[in-house]
C-alpha atoms as a PDB file:
ATOM      1  CA  MET A   1      16.687 -24.646  86.163  1.00  0.00           C
ATOM      2  CA  ASN A   2      14.820 -21.421  85.592  1.00  0.00           C
ATOM      3  CA  ARG A   3      17.911 -19.843  84.069  1.00  0.00           C
ATOM      4  CA  ARG A   4      18.198 -22.734  81.576  1.00  0.00           C
ATOM      5  CA  LEU A   5      14.582 -22.458  80.549  1.00  0.00           C
ATOM      6  CA  PHE A   6      14.986 -18.729  80.044  1.00  0.00           C
ATOM      7  CA  ARG A   7      18.000 -19.327  77.791  1.00  0.00           C
ATOM      8  CA  CYS A   8      16.115 -21.897  75.677  1.00  0.00           C
ATOM      9  CA  ALA A   9      13.131 -19.604  75.341  1.00  0.00           C
ATOM     10  CA  ARG A  10      15.389 -16.758  74.170  1.00  0.00           C
ATOM     11  CA  LEU A  11      17.008 -19.011  71.555  1.00  0.00           C
ATOM     12  CA  ALA A  12      13.611 -20.192  70.349  1.00  0.00           C
ATOM     13  CA  ASN A  13      12.377 -16.623  69.972  1.00  0.00           C
ATOM     14  CA  SER A  14      15.491 -15.456  68.142  1.00  0.00           C
ATOM     15  CA  SER A  15      16.067 -18.383  65.796  1.00  0.00           C
ATOM     16  CA  PRO A  16      13.161 -17.614  63.424  1.00  0.00           C
ATOM     17  CA  LYS A  17      14.605 -14.152  62.852  1.00  0.00           C
ATOM     18  CA  ARG A  18      17.948 -15.557  61.825  1.00  0.00           C
ATOM     19  CA  ALA A  19      16.209 -18.225  59.723  1.00  0.00           C
ATOM     20  CA  VAL A  20      14.274 -15.490  57.863  1.00  0.00           C
ATOM     21  CA  ASP A  21      17.080 -12.946  57.636  1.00  0.00           C
ATOM     22  CA  VAL A  22      19.634 -15.274  56.093  1.00  0.00           C
ATOM     23  CA  PRO A  23      17.527 -16.443  53.138  1.00  0.00           C
ATOM     24  CA  ARG A  24      16.406 -12.871  52.467  1.00  0.00           C
ATOM     25  CA  GLN A  25      20.004 -11.651  52.329  1.00  0.00           C
ATOM     26  CA  ALA A  26      20.918 -14.576  50.113  1.00  0.00           C
ATOM     27  CA  ARG A  27      18.033 -13.838  47.791  1.00  0.00           C
ATOM     28  CA  ASP A  28      18.971 -10.157  47.582  1.00  0.00           C
ATOM     29  CA  GLY A  29      22.579 -10.990  46.803  1.00  0.00           C
ATOM     30  CA  LEU A  30      21.596 -13.587  44.212  1.00  0.00           C
ATOM     31  CA  ALA A  31      19.143 -11.182  42.554  1.00  0.00           C
ATOM     32  CA  SER A  32      21.771  -8.446  42.341  1.00  0.00           C
ATOM     33  CA  ARG A  33      24.208 -10.881  40.742  1.00  0.00           C
ATOM     34  CA  LEU A  34      21.653 -12.284  38.279  1.00  0.00           C
ATOM     35  CA  ARG A  35      20.137  -8.951  37.223  1.00  0.00           C
ATOM     36  CA  PRO A  36      22.946  -8.004  34.758  1.00  0.00           C
ATOM     37  CA  VAL A  37      22.961 -11.548  33.380  1.00  0.00           C
ATOM     38  CA  LEU A  38      19.218 -11.527  32.748  1.00  0.00           C
ATOM     39  CA  SER A  39      19.415  -8.088  31.117  1.00  0.00           C
ATOM     40  CA  SER A  40      22.154  -9.321  28.787  1.00  0.00           C
ATOM     41  CA  LEU A  41      20.123 -12.387  27.870  1.00  0.00           C
ATOM     42  CA  ALA A  42      17.038 -10.265  27.133  1.00  0.00           C
ATOM     43  CA  LEU A  43      19.062  -7.899  24.929  1.00  0.00           C
ATOM     44  CA  ALA A  44      20.627 -10.811  23.074  1.00  0.00           C
ATOM     45  CA  ALA A  45      17.191 -12.335  22.447  1.00  0.00           C
ATOM     46  CA  ALA A  46      15.856  -9.016  21.141  1.00  0.00           C
ATOM     47  CA  LEU A  47      18.829  -8.577  18.821  1.00  0.00           C
ATOM     48  CA  ALA A  48      18.459 -12.145  17.583  1.00  0.00           C
ATOM     49  CA  GLY A  49      14.794 -11.479  16.803  1.00  0.00           C
ATOM     50  CA  CYS A  50      15.699  -8.315  14.870  1.00  0.00           C
ATOM     51  CA  GLY A  51      18.334 -10.157  12.908  1.00  0.00           C
ATOM     52  CA  THR A  52      15.935 -12.849  11.711  1.00  0.00           C
ATOM     53  CA  SER A  53      13.004 -10.625  10.625  1.00  0.00           C
ATOM     54  CA  ALA A  54      13.009  -9.622   6.962  1.00  0.00           C
ATOM     55  CA  PRO A  55      13.007  -5.863   6.228  1.00  0.00           C
ATOM     56  CA  VAL A  56       9.765  -4.441   4.851  1.00  0.00           C
ATOM     57  CA  HIS A  57       9.832  -2.610   1.496  1.00  0.00           C
ATOM     58  CA  TYR A  58       7.122  -0.159   0.428  1.00  0.00           C
ATOM     59  CA  TYR A  59       6.063   0.596  -3.158  1.00  0.00           C
ATOM     60  CA  THR A  60       3.881   3.115  -4.960  1.00  0.00           C
ATOM     61  CA  LEU A  61       2.163   3.230  -8.339  1.00  0.00           C
ATOM     62  CA  GLN A  62       2.962   6.913  -8.735  1.00  0.00           C
ATOM     63  CA  GLY A  63       6.076   7.334 -10.845  1.00  0.00           C
ATOM     64  CA  PRO A  64       8.751   9.973 -10.222  1.00  0.00           C
ATOM     65  CA  ALA A  65       7.921  13.526 -11.375  1.00  0.00           C
ATOM     66  CA  ALA A  66       4.443  12.308 -12.318  1.00  0.00           C
ATOM     67  CA  GLN A  67       2.849  15.754 -11.995  1.00  0.00           C
ATOM     68  CA  ALA A  68       5.093  17.456 -14.547  1.00  0.00           C
ATOM     69  CA  PRO A  69       2.904  18.504 -17.526  1.00  0.00           C
ATOM     70  CA  ALA A  70       3.571  16.754 -20.807  1.00  0.00           C
ATOM     71  CA  SER A  71       5.561  18.727 -23.347  1.00  0.00           C
ATOM     72  CA  GLY A  72       3.355  20.833 -25.651  1.00  0.00           C
ATOM     73  CA  VAL A  73       0.129  20.322 -23.675  1.00  0.00           C
ATOM     74  CA  ALA A  74      -1.815  23.549 -23.195  1.00  0.00           C
ATOM     75  CA  PRO A  75      -3.622  24.141 -19.892  1.00  0.00           C
ATOM     76  CA  ALA A  76      -7.132  22.678 -20.029  1.00  0.00           C
ATOM     77  CA  SER A  77     -10.268  24.796 -19.660  1.00  0.00           C
ATOM     78  CA  PHE A  78     -11.758  22.220 -17.317  1.00  0.00           C
ATOM     79  CA  LEU A  79     -10.895  20.342 -14.149  1.00  0.00           C
ATOM     80  CA  ILE A  80     -10.843  16.603 -13.575  1.00  0.00           C
ATOM     81  CA  GLU A  81     -12.390  14.752 -10.662  1.00  0.00           C
ATOM     82  CA  VAL A  82     -10.810  11.334 -10.244  1.00  0.00           C
ATOM     83  CA  GLN A  83     -13.049   9.561  -7.781  1.00  0.00           C
ATOM     84  CA  PRO A  84     -11.968   6.774  -5.389  1.00  0.00           C
ATOM     85  CA  VAL A  85     -11.093   3.576  -7.245  1.00  0.00           C
ATOM     86  CA  ASN A  86     -12.906   0.353  -6.429  1.00  0.00           C
ATOM     87  CA  VAL A  87     -10.596  -2.688  -6.352  1.00  0.00           C
ATOM     88  CA  SER A  88     -11.459  -6.388  -6.216  1.00  0.00           C
ATOM     89  CA  THR A  89     -11.164  -7.916  -2.750  1.00  0.00           C
ATOM     90  CA  GLN A  90      -8.498 -10.389  -3.844  1.00  0.00           C
ATOM     91  CA  ALA A  91      -6.140  -7.641  -4.979  1.00  0.00           C
ATOM     92  CA  ASP A  92      -7.018  -5.057  -2.327  1.00  0.00           C
ATOM     93  CA  GLN A  93      -4.438  -6.196   0.236  1.00  0.00           C
ATOM     94  CA  PRO A  94      -1.677  -4.225   1.986  1.00  0.00           C
ATOM     95  CA  GLN A  95       0.942  -6.734   0.824  1.00  0.00           C
ATOM     96  CA  LEU A  96       1.744  -7.507  -2.810  1.00  0.00           C
ATOM     97  CA  MET A  97      -0.162 -10.483  -4.208  1.00  0.00           C
ATOM     98  CA  VAL A  98       1.986 -12.168  -6.862  1.00  0.00           C
ATOM     99  CA  ARG A  99       0.806 -14.938  -9.164  1.00  0.00           C
ATOM    100  CA  THR A 100       3.267 -17.785  -9.636  1.00  0.00           C
ATOM    101  CA  GLY A 101       3.748 -20.127 -12.573  1.00  0.00           C
ATOM    102  CA  ASP A 102       1.631 -22.948 -11.099  1.00  0.00           C
ATOM    103  CA  GLY A 103      -1.470 -20.746 -10.896  1.00  0.00           C
ATOM    104  CA  SER A 104      -1.257 -20.032  -7.168  1.00  0.00           C
ATOM    105  CA  VAL A 105      -1.040 -16.571  -5.593  1.00  0.00           C
ATOM    106  CA  SER A 106       1.623 -15.732  -3.018  1.00  0.00           C
ATOM    107  CA  ALA A 107       1.316 -12.939  -0.459  1.00  0.00           C
ATOM    108  CA  LEU A 108       4.641 -11.116  -0.098  1.00  0.00           C
ATOM    109  CA  TYR A 109       4.341  -9.832   3.460  1.00  0.00           C
ATOM    110  CA  SER A 110       7.672  -7.990   3.324  1.00  0.00           C
ATOM    111  CA  GLU A 111       6.660  -6.164   0.109  1.00  0.00           C
ATOM    112  CA  ARG A 112       3.832  -3.698   0.736  1.00  0.00           C
ATOM    113  CA  TRP A 113       1.978  -0.784  -0.821  1.00  0.00           C
ATOM    114  CA  SER A 114       2.739   2.579   0.733  1.00  0.00           C
ATOM    115  CA  SER A 115      -1.023   3.282   0.965  1.00  0.00           C
ATOM    116  CA  PRO A 116      -4.235   1.307   0.285  1.00  0.00           C
ATOM    117  CA  LEU A 117      -4.230   0.000  -3.288  1.00  0.00           C
ATOM    118  CA  GLY A 118      -7.341   1.967  -4.248  1.00  0.00           C
ATOM    119  CA  ASP A 119      -5.621   5.184  -3.142  1.00  0.00           C
ATOM    120  CA  GLU A 120      -2.479   4.230  -5.062  1.00  0.00           C
ATOM    121  CA  LEU A 121      -4.512   3.718  -8.249  1.00  0.00           C
ATOM    122  CA  ARG A 122      -6.482   6.934  -7.806  1.00  0.00           C
ATOM    123  CA  GLY A 123      -3.324   8.964  -7.274  1.00  0.00           C
ATOM    124  CA  ALA A 124      -1.512   7.391 -10.241  1.00  0.00           C
ATOM    125  CA  LEU A 125      -4.502   7.879 -12.569  1.00  0.00           C
ATOM    126  CA  SER A 126      -4.880  11.480 -11.437  1.00  0.00           C
ATOM    127  CA  ASP A 127      -1.190  12.212 -12.065  1.00  0.00           C
ATOM    128  CA  ALA A 128      -1.281  10.658 -15.535  1.00  0.00           C
ATOM    129  CA  LEU A 129      -4.485  12.484 -16.538  1.00  0.00           C
ATOM    130  CA  LYS A 130      -3.155  15.831 -15.296  1.00  0.00           C
ATOM    131  CA  ARG A 131      -0.055  15.246 -17.375  1.00  0.00           C
ATOM    132  CA  ASP A 132      -1.933  14.187 -20.529  1.00  0.00           C
ATOM    133  CA  LEU A 133      -4.679  16.823 -20.382  1.00  0.00           C
ATOM    134  CA  GLY A 134      -2.974  19.758 -18.669  1.00  0.00           C
ATOM    135  CA  ALA A 135      -5.866  19.804 -16.175  1.00  0.00           C
ATOM    136  CA  LEU A 136      -5.943  20.118 -12.398  1.00  0.00           C
ATOM    137  CA  ASP A 137      -7.677  17.663 -10.101  1.00  0.00           C
ATOM    138  CA  VAL A 138     -10.404  19.010  -7.830  1.00  0.00           C
ATOM    139  CA  GLN A 139      -8.540  17.261  -5.020  1.00  0.00           C
ATOM    140  CA  LEU A 140      -5.944  20.042  -5.317  1.00  0.00           C
ATOM    141  CA  VAL A 141      -8.129  23.051  -6.113  1.00  0.00           C
ATOM    142  CA  LYS A 142     -11.636  23.856  -4.958  1.00  0.00           C
ATOM    143  CA  PRO A 143     -13.811  24.387  -8.038  1.00  0.00           C
ATOM    144  CA  GLY A 144     -16.047  27.441  -8.185  1.00  0.00           C
ATOM    145  CA  PRO A 145     -19.805  27.241  -8.727  1.00  0.00           C
ATOM    146  CA  GLY A 146     -20.604  25.868 -12.161  1.00  0.00           C
ATOM    147  CA  ALA A 147     -16.973  24.934 -12.906  1.00  0.00           C
ATOM    148  CA  ALA A 148     -16.478  22.628 -15.878  1.00  0.00           C
ATOM    149  CA  VAL A 149     -15.351  19.208 -14.667  1.00  0.00           C
ATOM    150  CA  TRP A 150     -14.730  15.782 -16.180  1.00  0.00           C
ATOM    151  CA  ARG A 151     -15.603  13.118 -13.630  1.00  0.00           C
ATOM    152  CA  VAL A 152     -13.681   9.839 -13.782  1.00  0.00           C
ATOM    153  CA  GLN A 153     -14.892   6.635 -12.127  1.00  0.00           C
ATOM    154  CA  THR A 154     -12.916   3.381 -12.162  1.00  0.00           C
ATOM    155  CA  ASP A 155     -13.705  -0.182 -11.090  1.00  0.00           C
ATOM    156  CA  VAL A 156     -10.769  -2.593 -11.207  1.00  0.00           C
ATOM    157  CA  GLN A 157     -11.796  -6.214 -11.701  1.00  0.00           C
ATOM    158  CA  ARG A 158      -8.295  -7.651 -12.016  1.00  0.00           C
ATOM    159  CA  PHE A 159      -4.992  -6.318 -10.769  1.00  0.00           C
ATOM    160  CA  GLU A 160      -2.352  -8.952 -11.301  1.00  0.00           C
ATOM    161  CA  LEU A 161       1.387  -9.239 -10.881  1.00  0.00           C
ATOM    162  CA  GLU A 162       2.926 -12.343 -12.432  1.00  0.00           C
ATOM    163  CA  SER A 163       6.576 -12.786 -11.597  1.00  0.00           C
ATOM    164  CA  GLY A 164       8.884 -12.695 -14.617  1.00  0.00           C
ATOM    165  CA  ARG A 165       5.984 -12.557 -17.080  1.00  0.00           C
ATOM    166  CA  GLN A 166       3.522  -9.661 -16.947  1.00  0.00           C
ATOM    167  CA  ALA A 167       1.457  -7.111 -15.033  1.00  0.00           C
ATOM    168  CA  GLN A 168      -2.206  -6.842 -15.939  1.00  0.00           C
ATOM    169  CA  LEU A 169      -4.936  -4.321 -15.179  1.00  0.00           C
ATOM    170  CA  ASP A 170      -8.566  -5.044 -16.107  1.00  0.00           C
ATOM    171  CA  ALA A 171     -10.870  -2.096 -15.444  1.00  0.00           C
ATOM    172  CA  THR A 172     -14.291  -0.717 -16.260  1.00  0.00           C
ATOM    173  CA  TRP A 173     -14.278   3.071 -16.306  1.00  0.00           C
ATOM    174  CA  ARG A 174     -16.560   6.033 -16.931  1.00  0.00           C
ATOM    175  CA  VAL A 175     -15.840   9.598 -17.945  1.00  0.00           C
ATOM    176  CA  ARG A 176     -18.693  12.084 -17.701  1.00  0.00           C
ATOM    177  CA  PRO A 177     -18.789  15.873 -18.236  1.00  0.00           C
ATOM    178  CA  VAL A 178     -20.254  18.070 -15.496  1.00  0.00           C
ATOM    179  CA  ASN A 179     -21.345  21.671 -16.216  1.00  0.00           C
ATOM    180  CA  MET A 180     -20.039  21.436 -19.788  1.00  0.00           C
ATOM    181  CA  LYS A 181     -20.795  19.930 -23.163  1.00  0.00           C
ATOM    182  CA  GLY A 182     -19.409  16.559 -24.069  1.00  0.00           C
ATOM    183  CA  SER A 183     -20.269  12.893 -24.373  1.00  0.00           C
ATOM    184  CA  GLY A 184     -19.777  10.555 -21.473  1.00  0.00           C
ATOM    185  CA  LEU A 185     -18.470   7.050 -22.095  1.00  0.00           C
ATOM    186  CA  LEU A 186     -18.506   3.739 -20.257  1.00  0.00           C
ATOM    187  CA  CYS A 187     -15.628   1.504 -21.365  1.00  0.00           C
ATOM    188  CA  ARG A 188     -13.721  -1.593 -20.409  1.00  0.00           C
ATOM    189  CA  SER A 189      -9.971  -1.888 -20.930  1.00  0.00           C
ATOM    190  CA  VAL A 190      -7.483  -4.674 -20.300  1.00  0.00           C
ATOM    191  CA  VAL A 191      -3.913  -3.430 -20.084  1.00  0.00           C
ATOM    192  CA  THR A 192      -1.047  -5.922 -20.175  1.00  0.00           C
ATOM    193  CA  GLU A 193       2.572  -4.916 -19.708  1.00  0.00           C
ATOM    194  CA  PRO A 194       5.381  -7.473 -20.165  1.00  0.00           C
ATOM    195  CA  VAL A 195       7.888  -8.156 -17.402  1.00  0.00           C
ATOM    196  CA  THR A 196      11.254  -9.390 -18.639  1.00  0.00           C
ATOM    197  CA  GLU A 197      13.167  -9.258 -15.348  1.00  0.00           C
ATOM    198  CA  GLU A 198      12.770 -11.091 -12.073  1.00  0.00           C
ATOM    199  CA  GLY A 199      12.075  -9.260  -8.854  1.00  0.00           C
ATOM    200  CA  VAL A 200       9.460  -6.970  -7.362  1.00  0.00           C
ATOM    201  CA  PRO A 201      10.787  -3.647  -8.786  1.00  0.00           C
ATOM    202  CA  ALA A 202      10.248  -4.921 -12.343  1.00  0.00           C
ATOM    203  CA  LEU A 203       6.639  -5.856 -11.498  1.00  0.00           C
ATOM    204  CA  ILE A 204       5.961  -2.440  -9.954  1.00  0.00           C
ATOM    205  CA  ALA A 205       7.430  -0.629 -12.980  1.00  0.00           C
ATOM    206  CA  ALA A 206       5.234  -2.688 -15.329  1.00  0.00           C
ATOM    207  CA  GLN A 207       2.095  -1.925 -13.331  1.00  0.00           C
ATOM    208  CA  GLN A 208       2.996   1.774 -13.298  1.00  0.00           C
ATOM    209  CA  ARG A 209       3.149   1.663 -17.110  1.00  0.00           C
ATOM    210  CA  ALA A 210      -0.207  -0.126 -17.184  1.00  0.00           C
ATOM    211  CA  VAL A 211      -1.874   2.635 -15.153  1.00  0.00           C
ATOM    212  CA  VAL A 212      -0.399   5.303 -17.440  1.00  0.00           C
ATOM    213  CA  SER A 213      -1.730   3.423 -20.503  1.00  0.00           C
ATOM    214  CA  LEU A 214      -5.196   3.162 -18.932  1.00  0.00           C
ATOM    215  CA  ALA A 215      -5.158   6.889 -18.201  1.00  0.00           C
ATOM    216  CA  GLY A 216      -4.215   7.493 -21.854  1.00  0.00           C
ATOM    217  CA  ALA A 217      -7.423   5.745 -22.996  1.00  0.00           C
ATOM    218  CA  MET A 218      -9.438   7.863 -20.558  1.00  0.00           C
ATOM    219  CA  ALA A 219      -7.780  11.053 -21.803  1.00  0.00           C
ATOM    220  CA  SER A 220      -8.724  10.179 -25.399  1.00  0.00           C
ATOM    221  CA  ALA A 221     -12.365   9.794 -24.372  1.00  0.00           C
ATOM    222  CA  ILE A 222     -12.304  13.153 -22.560  1.00  0.00           C
ATOM    223  CA  ARG A 223     -10.898  14.809 -25.697  1.00  0.00           C
ATOM    224  CA  GLY A 224     -13.849  13.417 -27.658  1.00  0.00           C
ATOM    225  CA  GLN A 225     -11.784  10.766 -29.441  1.00  0.00           C
ATOM    226  CA  ALA A 226     -12.603   7.075 -29.580  1.00  0.00           C
ATOM    227  CA  PRO A 227     -10.247   5.253 -27.192  1.00  0.00           C
ATOM    228  CA  ALA A 228      -8.037   3.114 -29.359  1.00  0.00           C
ATOM    229  CA  GLY A 229      -6.225  -0.054 -28.467  1.00  0.00           C
ATOM    230  CA  SER A 230      -2.469  -0.460 -28.653  1.00  0.00           C
ATOM    231  CA  ALA A 231       0.200  -3.067 -28.107  1.00  0.00           C
ATOM    232  CA  SER A 232      -0.571  -3.014 -24.367  1.00  0.00           C
ATOM    233  CA  VAL A 233      -4.209  -1.817 -24.263  1.00  0.00           C
ATOM    234  CA  GLN A 234      -7.106  -3.988 -25.355  1.00  0.00           C
ATOM    235  CA  MET A 235     -10.400  -2.130 -25.612  1.00  0.00           C
ATOM    236  CA  LEU A 236     -13.391  -4.409 -24.926  1.00  0.00           C
ATOM    237  CA  GLY A 237     -16.014  -1.922 -25.978  1.00  0.00           C
ATOM    238  CA  CYS A 238     -17.479   1.457 -25.044  1.00  0.00           C
ATOM    239  CA  THR A 239     -21.026   2.654 -24.517  1.00  0.00           C
ATOM    240  CA  ALA A 240     -22.274   6.233 -24.592  1.00  0.00           C
ATOM    241  CA  LEU A 241     -23.667   7.417 -21.285  1.00  0.00           C
ATOM    242  CA  LYS A 242     -27.043   9.090 -21.181  1.00  0.00           C
ATOM    243  CA  ASP A 243     -27.238  12.593 -19.779  1.00  0.00           C
END
């Protein structure tokens, strides 16, 4: 009788170990078999996500070879200081904001500016003015004490891209001489460039032309000439700035 009780007690003490060991071994074996399957599923899901996301394209307002001086332009005796450009909140977005035919505005999240829009405008205006005037921007060279400088300030009220129709730039701008003689001007210009092709590249090219045309009006004022309108530039008036 005692021997039988001893045997039952031994079985009772050992059975929990076998009950625990077997599921643990089963779980380890199942995990080892499922691990490659789960890894393959995760990779497939990642690849599927990459395949469905649209590629992002980046654009700039600075045209190719923009810093090459215009033919026949002598080096200027002054520097230019193109200050940061203020842009309306609606247009100052990292993605392109395109106006559609029904009057709504669409955000193209896969079409983006390569830098903040104000920086794009400042850089493009600086390049165009350097080309037109043969002058250097103080952003590139440190002016000496008393250096002659033309300071350029720009506030953009409207910056519009209208698919298949036009690109428009509405800006108030000031040019003022520093440490030199000259007459400062405060002007407003509306520049409209037609777009005859569909697609984002055509809109970007039109807005690049608009910035160059705006810079041309500024360059005329710096030369002491009255900024004149053209087929693309509408001048809405200028006022002489007080010293």
